[in-house]
Amino acid sequence: MIRMRTFAAGISLKYVFIMARPIKETPILYGEDARRFEARMKERRRISPEERAEMKATYEALKSVCDFM
């Protein structure tokens, strides 16, 4: 039975027990799409200190409820 209680930044336990689906084959990009994709990959996205703190808090909350050993 899956309970619907939540933990760690609003992530529902419902989603913890779902198995991963197979990954579809990645399409190959050509021409202008490929150039645009490469340019976006070279850009660095700046993260605000507030976003970074929120991400770290979520990470710590998930780390506290997970056991990988």
PDB file of N, CA and C in Angstrom:
ATOM      1  N   MET A   1       0.840  -1.191   0.000  1.00  0.00           N
ATOM      2  CA  MET A   1       0.000   0.000   0.000  1.00  0.00           C
ATOM      3  C   MET A   1       0.886   1.256   0.000  1.00  0.00           C
ATOM      4  N   ILE A   2       0.567   2.181  -0.840  1.00  0.00           N
ATOM      5  CA  ILE A   2       1.328   3.423  -0.939  1.00  0.00           C
ATOM      6  C   ILE A   2       0.582   4.512  -0.192  1.00  0.00           C
ATOM      7  N   ARG A   3       1.257   5.124   0.747  1.00  0.00           N
ATOM      8  CA  ARG A   3       0.643   6.227   1.488  1.00  0.00           C
ATOM      9  C   ARG A   3       0.883   7.529   0.749  1.00  0.00           C
ATOM     10  N   MET A   4      -0.003   8.471   0.937  1.00  0.00           N
ATOM     11  CA  MET A   4       0.118   9.747   0.231  1.00  0.00           C
ATOM     12  C   MET A   4       0.712  10.848   1.119  1.00  0.00           C
ATOM     13  N   ARG A   5       1.443  10.474   2.184  1.00  0.00           N
ATOM     14  CA  ARG A   5       2.044  11.532   2.985  1.00  0.00           C
ATOM     15  C   ARG A   5       3.249  12.088   2.242  1.00  0.00           C
ATOM     16  N   THR A   6       3.642  13.279   2.591  1.00  0.00           N
ATOM     17  CA  THR A   6       4.743  13.917   1.879  1.00  0.00           C
ATOM     18  C   THR A   6       5.943  14.058   2.794  1.00  0.00           C
ATOM     19  N   PHE A   7       7.084  14.245   2.213  1.00  0.00           N
ATOM     20  CA  PHE A   7       8.325  14.482   2.935  1.00  0.00           C
ATOM     21  C   PHE A   7       9.228  15.334   2.063  1.00  0.00           C
ATOM     22  N   ALA A   8      10.210  15.938   2.644  1.00  0.00           N
ATOM     23  CA  ALA A   8      11.283  16.637   1.936  1.00  0.00           C
ATOM     24  C   ALA A   8      10.794  17.527   0.809  1.00  0.00           C
ATOM     25  N   ALA A   9      10.435  18.715   1.149  1.00  0.00           N
ATOM     26  CA  ALA A   9      10.077  19.754   0.173  1.00  0.00           C
ATOM     27  C   ALA A   9       8.894  19.359  -0.703  1.00  0.00           C
ATOM     28  N   GLY A  10       7.914  18.678  -0.127  1.00  0.00           N
ATOM     29  CA  GLY A  10       6.673  18.409  -0.846  1.00  0.00           C
ATOM     30  C   GLY A  10       6.726  17.284  -1.855  1.00  0.00           C
ATOM     31  N   ILE A  11       7.724  16.417  -1.795  1.00  0.00           N
ATOM     32  CA  ILE A  11       7.782  15.289  -2.717  1.00  0.00           C
ATOM     33  C   ILE A  11       6.916  14.181  -2.129  1.00  0.00           C
ATOM     34  N   SER A  12       6.003  13.676  -2.894  1.00  0.00           N
ATOM     35  CA  SER A  12       5.077  12.675  -2.412  1.00  0.00           C
ATOM     36  C   SER A  12       5.695  11.286  -2.461  1.00  0.00           C
ATOM     37  N   LEU A  13       5.428  10.475  -1.446  1.00  0.00           N
ATOM     38  CA  LEU A  13       5.918   9.093  -1.438  1.00  0.00           C
ATOM     39  C   LEU A  13       5.345   8.303  -2.597  1.00  0.00           C
ATOM     40  N   LYS A  14       4.238   8.752  -3.134  1.00  0.00           N
ATOM     41  CA  LYS A  14       3.616   8.082  -4.273  1.00  0.00           C
ATOM     42  C   LYS A  14       4.617   7.934  -5.422  1.00  0.00           C
ATOM     43  N   TYR A  15       5.478   8.926  -5.598  1.00  0.00           N
ATOM     44  CA  TYR A  15       6.396   8.929  -6.728  1.00  0.00           C
ATOM     45  C   TYR A  15       7.689   8.178  -6.446  1.00  0.00           C
ATOM     46  N   VAL A  16       7.932   7.806  -5.205  1.00  0.00           N
ATOM     47  CA  VAL A  16       9.154   7.109  -4.858  1.00  0.00           C
ATOM     48  C   VAL A  16       9.123   5.669  -5.364  1.00  0.00           C
ATOM     49  N   PHE A  17       7.944   5.053  -5.430  1.00  0.00           N
ATOM     50  CA  PHE A  17       7.832   3.642  -5.758  1.00  0.00           C
ATOM     51  C   PHE A  17       7.580   3.365  -7.237  1.00  0.00           C
ATOM     52  N   ILE A  18       7.516   4.403  -8.062  1.00  0.00           N
ATOM     53  CA  ILE A  18       7.274   4.219  -9.495  1.00  0.00           C
ATOM     54  C   ILE A  18       8.594   3.821 -10.159  1.00  0.00           C
ATOM     55  N   MET A  19       8.568   2.750 -10.932  1.00  0.00           N
ATOM     56  CA  MET A  19       9.770   2.295 -11.628  1.00  0.00           C
ATOM     57  C   MET A  19      10.057   3.225 -12.817  1.00  0.00           C
ATOM     58  N   ALA A  20      11.324   3.312 -13.171  1.00  0.00           N
ATOM     59  CA  ALA A  20      11.733   4.144 -14.301  1.00  0.00           C
ATOM     60  C   ALA A  20      11.277   3.511 -15.609  1.00  0.00           C
ATOM     61  N   ARG A  21      10.929   4.348 -16.546  1.00  0.00           N
ATOM     62  CA  ARG A  21      10.565   3.883 -17.883  1.00  0.00           C
ATOM     63  C   ARG A  21      11.821   3.859 -18.755  1.00  0.00           C
ATOM     64  N   PRO A  22      11.840   3.045 -19.785  1.00  0.00           N
ATOM     65  CA  PRO A  22      13.000   3.029 -20.678  1.00  0.00           C
ATOM     66  C   PRO A  22      13.212   4.402 -21.328  1.00  0.00           C
ATOM     67  N   ILE A  23      14.454   4.759 -21.524  1.00  0.00           N
ATOM     68  CA  ILE A  23      14.789   6.035 -22.147  1.00  0.00           C
ATOM     69  C   ILE A  23      14.686   5.880 -23.661  1.00  0.00           C
ATOM     70  N   LYS A  24      13.981   6.803 -24.284  1.00  0.00           N
ATOM     71  CA  LYS A  24      13.854   6.773 -25.744  1.00  0.00           C
ATOM     72  C   LYS A  24      15.162   7.229 -26.383  1.00  0.00           C
ATOM     73  N   GLU A  25      15.376   6.818 -27.604  1.00  0.00           N
ATOM     74  CA  GLU A  25      16.572   7.216 -28.330  1.00  0.00           C
ATOM     75  C   GLU A  25      16.557   8.723 -28.555  1.00  0.00           C
ATOM     76  N   THR A  26      17.698   9.362 -28.342  1.00  0.00           N
ATOM     77  CA  THR A  26      17.808  10.805 -28.501  1.00  0.00           C
ATOM     78  C   THR A  26      17.912  11.155 -29.978  1.00  0.00           C
ATOM     79  N   PRO A  27      17.076  12.096 -30.447  1.00  0.00           N
ATOM     80  CA  PRO A  27      17.169  12.471 -31.862  1.00  0.00           C
ATOM     81  C   PRO A  27      18.462  13.240 -32.156  1.00  0.00           C
ATOM     82  N   ILE A  28      18.948  13.126 -33.357  1.00  0.00           N
ATOM     83  CA  ILE A  28      20.156  13.832 -33.783  1.00  0.00           C
ATOM     84  C   ILE A  28      19.753  15.196 -34.318  1.00  0.00           C
ATOM     85  N   LEU A  29      20.470  16.229 -33.886  1.00  0.00           N
ATOM     86  CA  LEU A  29      20.180  17.589 -34.343  1.00  0.00           C
ATOM     87  C   LEU A  29      21.081  17.948 -35.510  1.00  0.00           C
ATOM     88  N   TYR A  30      20.512  18.671 -36.466  1.00  0.00           N
ATOM     89  CA  TYR A  30      21.250  19.104 -37.655  1.00  0.00           C
ATOM     90  C   TYR A  30      21.072  20.607 -37.862  1.00  0.00           C
ATOM     91  N   GLY A  31      22.005  21.203 -38.554  1.00  0.00           N
ATOM     92  CA  GLY A  31      21.879  22.593 -39.010  1.00  0.00           C
ATOM     93  C   GLY A  31      21.752  23.601 -37.887  1.00  0.00           C
ATOM     94  N   GLU A  32      20.805  24.516 -38.059  1.00  0.00           N
ATOM     95  CA  GLU A  32      20.619  25.618 -37.118  1.00  0.00           C
ATOM     96  C   GLU A  32      20.235  25.115 -35.728  1.00  0.00           C
ATOM     97  N   ASP A  33      19.442  24.053 -35.650  1.00  0.00           N
ATOM     98  CA  ASP A  33      19.073  23.483 -34.354  1.00  0.00           C
ATOM     99  C   ASP A  33      20.318  23.030 -33.598  1.00  0.00           C
ATOM    100  N   ALA A  34      21.254  22.388 -34.293  1.00  0.00           N
ATOM    101  CA  ALA A  34      22.485  21.908 -33.664  1.00  0.00           C
ATOM    102  C   ALA A  34      23.331  23.080 -33.176  1.00  0.00           C
ATOM    103  N   ARG A  35      23.441  24.139 -33.982  1.00  0.00           N
ATOM    104  CA  ARG A  35      24.222  25.321 -33.579  1.00  0.00           C
ATOM    105  C   ARG A  35      23.596  26.000 -32.362  1.00  0.00           C
ATOM    106  N   ARG A  36      22.283  26.130 -32.359  1.00  0.00           N
ATOM    107  CA  ARG A  36      21.576  26.749 -31.240  1.00  0.00           C
ATOM    108  C   ARG A  36      21.757  25.919 -29.960  1.00  0.00           C
ATOM    109  N   PHE A  37      21.660  24.598 -30.073  1.00  0.00           N
ATOM    110  CA  PHE A  37      21.840  23.707 -28.934  1.00  0.00           C
ATOM    111  C   PHE A  37      23.251  23.833 -28.362  1.00  0.00           C
ATOM    112  N   GLU A  38      24.244  23.825 -29.233  1.00  0.00           N
ATOM    113  CA  GLU A  38      25.631  23.931 -28.779  1.00  0.00           C
ATOM    114  C   GLU A  38      25.880  25.265 -28.078  1.00  0.00           C
ATOM    115  N   ALA A  39      25.325  26.342 -28.616  1.00  0.00           N
ATOM    116  CA  ALA A  39      25.492  27.667 -27.999  1.00  0.00           C
ATOM    117  C   ALA A  39      24.851  27.702 -26.613  1.00  0.00           C
ATOM    118  N   ARG A  40      23.674  27.099 -26.467  1.00  0.00           N
ATOM    119  CA  ARG A  40      23.001  27.071 -25.155  1.00  0.00           C
ATOM    120  C   ARG A  40      23.779  26.235 -24.154  1.00  0.00           C
ATOM    121  N   MET A  41      24.420  25.171 -24.603  1.00  0.00           N
ATOM    122  CA  MET A  41      25.198  24.322 -23.695  1.00  0.00           C
ATOM    123  C   MET A  41      26.453  25.044 -23.191  1.00  0.00           C
ATOM    124  N   LYS A  42      26.967  25.967 -23.982  1.00  0.00           N
ATOM    125  CA  LYS A  42      28.157  26.720 -23.573  1.00  0.00           C
ATOM    126  C   LYS A  42      27.822  27.838 -22.593  1.00  0.00           C
ATOM    127  N   GLU A  43      26.559  28.286 -22.579  1.00  0.00           N
ATOM    128  CA  GLU A  43      26.138  29.341 -21.654  1.00  0.00           C
ATOM    129  C   GLU A  43      26.083  28.799 -20.240  1.00  0.00           C
ATOM    130  N   ARG A  44      26.508  29.612 -19.281  1.00  0.00           N
ATOM    131  CA  ARG A  44      26.382  29.238 -17.874  1.00  0.00           C
ATOM    132  C   ARG A  44      25.195  29.983 -17.298  1.00  0.00           C
ATOM    133  N   ARG A  45      24.307  29.255 -16.668  1.00  0.00           N
ATOM    134  CA  ARG A  45      23.149  29.874 -16.030  1.00  0.00           C
ATOM    135  C   ARG A  45      23.510  30.222 -14.595  1.00  0.00           C
ATOM    136  N   ARG A  46      23.349  31.470 -14.242  1.00  0.00           N
ATOM    137  CA  ARG A  46      23.669  31.925 -12.893  1.00  0.00           C
ATOM    138  C   ARG A  46      22.502  31.598 -11.966  1.00  0.00           C
ATOM    139  N   ILE A  47      22.840  31.097 -10.783  1.00  0.00           N
ATOM    140  CA  ILE A  47      21.827  30.761  -9.789  1.00  0.00           C
ATOM    141  C   ILE A  47      21.940  31.756  -8.648  1.00  0.00           C
ATOM    142  N   SER A  48      20.805  32.314  -8.242  1.00  0.00           N
ATOM    143  CA  SER A  48      20.804  33.285  -7.155  1.00  0.00           C
ATOM    144  C   SER A  48      21.113  32.577  -5.836  1.00  0.00           C
ATOM    145  N   PRO A  49      21.609  33.312  -4.850  1.00  0.00           N
ATOM    146  CA  PRO A  49      21.889  32.705  -3.536  1.00  0.00           C
ATOM    147  C   PRO A  49      20.642  32.081  -2.904  1.00  0.00           C
ATOM    148  N   GLU A  50      19.465  32.667  -3.156  1.00  0.00           N
ATOM    149  CA  GLU A  50      18.223  32.119  -2.613  1.00  0.00           C
ATOM    150  C   GLU A  50      17.916  30.753  -3.243  1.00  0.00           C
ATOM    151  N   GLU A  51      18.087  30.661  -4.579  1.00  0.00           N
ATOM    152  CA  GLU A  51      17.864  29.393  -5.271  1.00  0.00           C
ATOM    153  C   GLU A  51      18.846  28.334  -4.774  1.00  0.00           C
ATOM    154  N   ARG A  52      20.108  28.740  -4.609  1.00  0.00           N
ATOM    155  CA  ARG A  52      21.137  27.808  -4.150  1.00  0.00           C
ATOM    156  C   ARG A  52      20.805  27.289  -2.742  1.00  0.00           C
ATOM    157  N   ALA A  53      20.356  28.183  -1.849  1.00  0.00           N
ATOM    158  CA  ALA A  53      19.998  27.783  -0.486  1.00  0.00           C
ATOM    159  C   ALA A  53      18.805  26.826  -0.497  1.00  0.00           C
ATOM    160  N   GLU A  54      17.816  27.101  -1.353  1.00  0.00           N
ATOM    161  CA  GLU A  54      16.646  26.227  -1.459  1.00  0.00           C
ATOM    162  C   GLU A  54      17.045  24.847  -1.985  1.00  0.00           C
ATOM    163  N   MET A  55      17.921  24.812  -2.977  1.00  0.00           N
ATOM    164  CA  MET A  55      18.383  23.547  -3.530  1.00  0.00           C
ATOM    165  C   MET A  55      19.155  22.744  -2.480  1.00  0.00           C
ATOM    166  N   LYS A  56      19.986  23.425  -1.709  1.00  0.00           N
ATOM    167  CA  LYS A  56      20.765  22.745  -0.678  1.00  0.00           C
ATOM    168  C   LYS A  56      19.851  22.207   0.411  1.00  0.00           C
ATOM    169  N   ALA A  57      18.830  22.970   0.808  1.00  0.00           N
ATOM    170  CA  ALA A  57      17.885  22.511   1.834  1.00  0.00           C
ATOM    171  C   ALA A  57      17.129  21.277   1.355  1.00  0.00           C
ATOM    172  N   THR A  58      16.712  21.275   0.094  1.00  0.00           N
ATOM    173  CA  THR A  58      16.015  20.123  -0.471  1.00  0.00           C
ATOM    174  C   THR A  58      16.937  18.909  -0.501  1.00  0.00           C
ATOM    175  N   TYR A  59      18.186  19.118  -0.911  1.00  0.00           N
ATOM    176  CA  TYR A  59      19.168  18.034  -0.945  1.00  0.00           C
ATOM    177  C   TYR A  59      19.369  17.438   0.450  1.00  0.00           C
ATOM    178  N   GLU A  60      19.542  18.295   1.443  1.00  0.00           N
ATOM    179  CA  GLU A  60      19.767  17.820   2.806  1.00  0.00           C
ATOM    180  C   GLU A  60      18.547  17.058   3.323  1.00  0.00           C
ATOM    181  N   ALA A  61      17.339  17.534   2.998  1.00  0.00           N
ATOM    182  CA  ALA A  61      16.116  16.854   3.436  1.00  0.00           C
ATOM    183  C   ALA A  61      16.010  15.473   2.796  1.00  0.00           C
ATOM    184  N   LEU A  62      16.297  15.383   1.508  1.00  0.00           N
ATOM    185  CA  LEU A  62      16.256  14.084   0.831  1.00  0.00           C
ATOM    186  C   LEU A  62      17.344  13.156   1.356  1.00  0.00           C
ATOM    187  N   LYS A  63      18.517  13.687   1.599  1.00  0.00           N
ATOM    188  CA  LYS A  63      19.621  12.885   2.110  1.00  0.00           C
ATOM    189  C   LYS A  63      19.291  12.307   3.493  1.00  0.00           C
ATOM    190  N   SER A  64      18.542  13.069   4.299  1.00  0.00           N
ATOM    191  CA  SER A  64      18.214  12.609   5.635  1.00  0.00           C
ATOM    192  C   SER A  64      17.201  11.462   5.637  1.00  0.00           C
ATOM    193  N   VAL A  65      16.396  11.332   4.584  1.00  0.00           N
ATOM    194  CA  VAL A  65      15.385  10.264   4.554  1.00  0.00           C
ATOM    195  C   VAL A  65      15.790   9.088   3.675  1.00  0.00           C
ATOM    196  N   CYS A  66      16.903   9.191   2.969  1.00  0.00           N
ATOM    197  CA  CYS A  66      17.346   8.117   2.080  1.00  0.00           C
ATOM    198  C   CYS A  66      18.467   7.313   2.719  1.00  0.00           C
ATOM    199  N   ASP A  67      18.467   6.024   2.421  1.00  0.00           N
ATOM    200  CA  ASP A  67      19.518   5.142   2.908  1.00  0.00           C
ATOM    201  C   ASP A  67      20.030   4.351   1.713  1.00  0.00           C
ATOM    202  N   PHE A  68      21.255   4.644   1.279  1.00  0.00           N
ATOM    203  CA  PHE A  68      21.801   4.009   0.097  1.00  0.00           C
ATOM    204  C   PHE A  68      22.718   2.831   0.406  1.00  0.00           C
ATOM    205  N   MET A  69      22.818   2.455   1.657  1.00  0.00           N
ATOM    206  CA  MET A  69      23.684   1.318   2.030  1.00  0.00           C
ATOM    207  C   MET A  69      22.874   0.084   2.277  1.00  0.00           C
TER     208      MET A  69
END
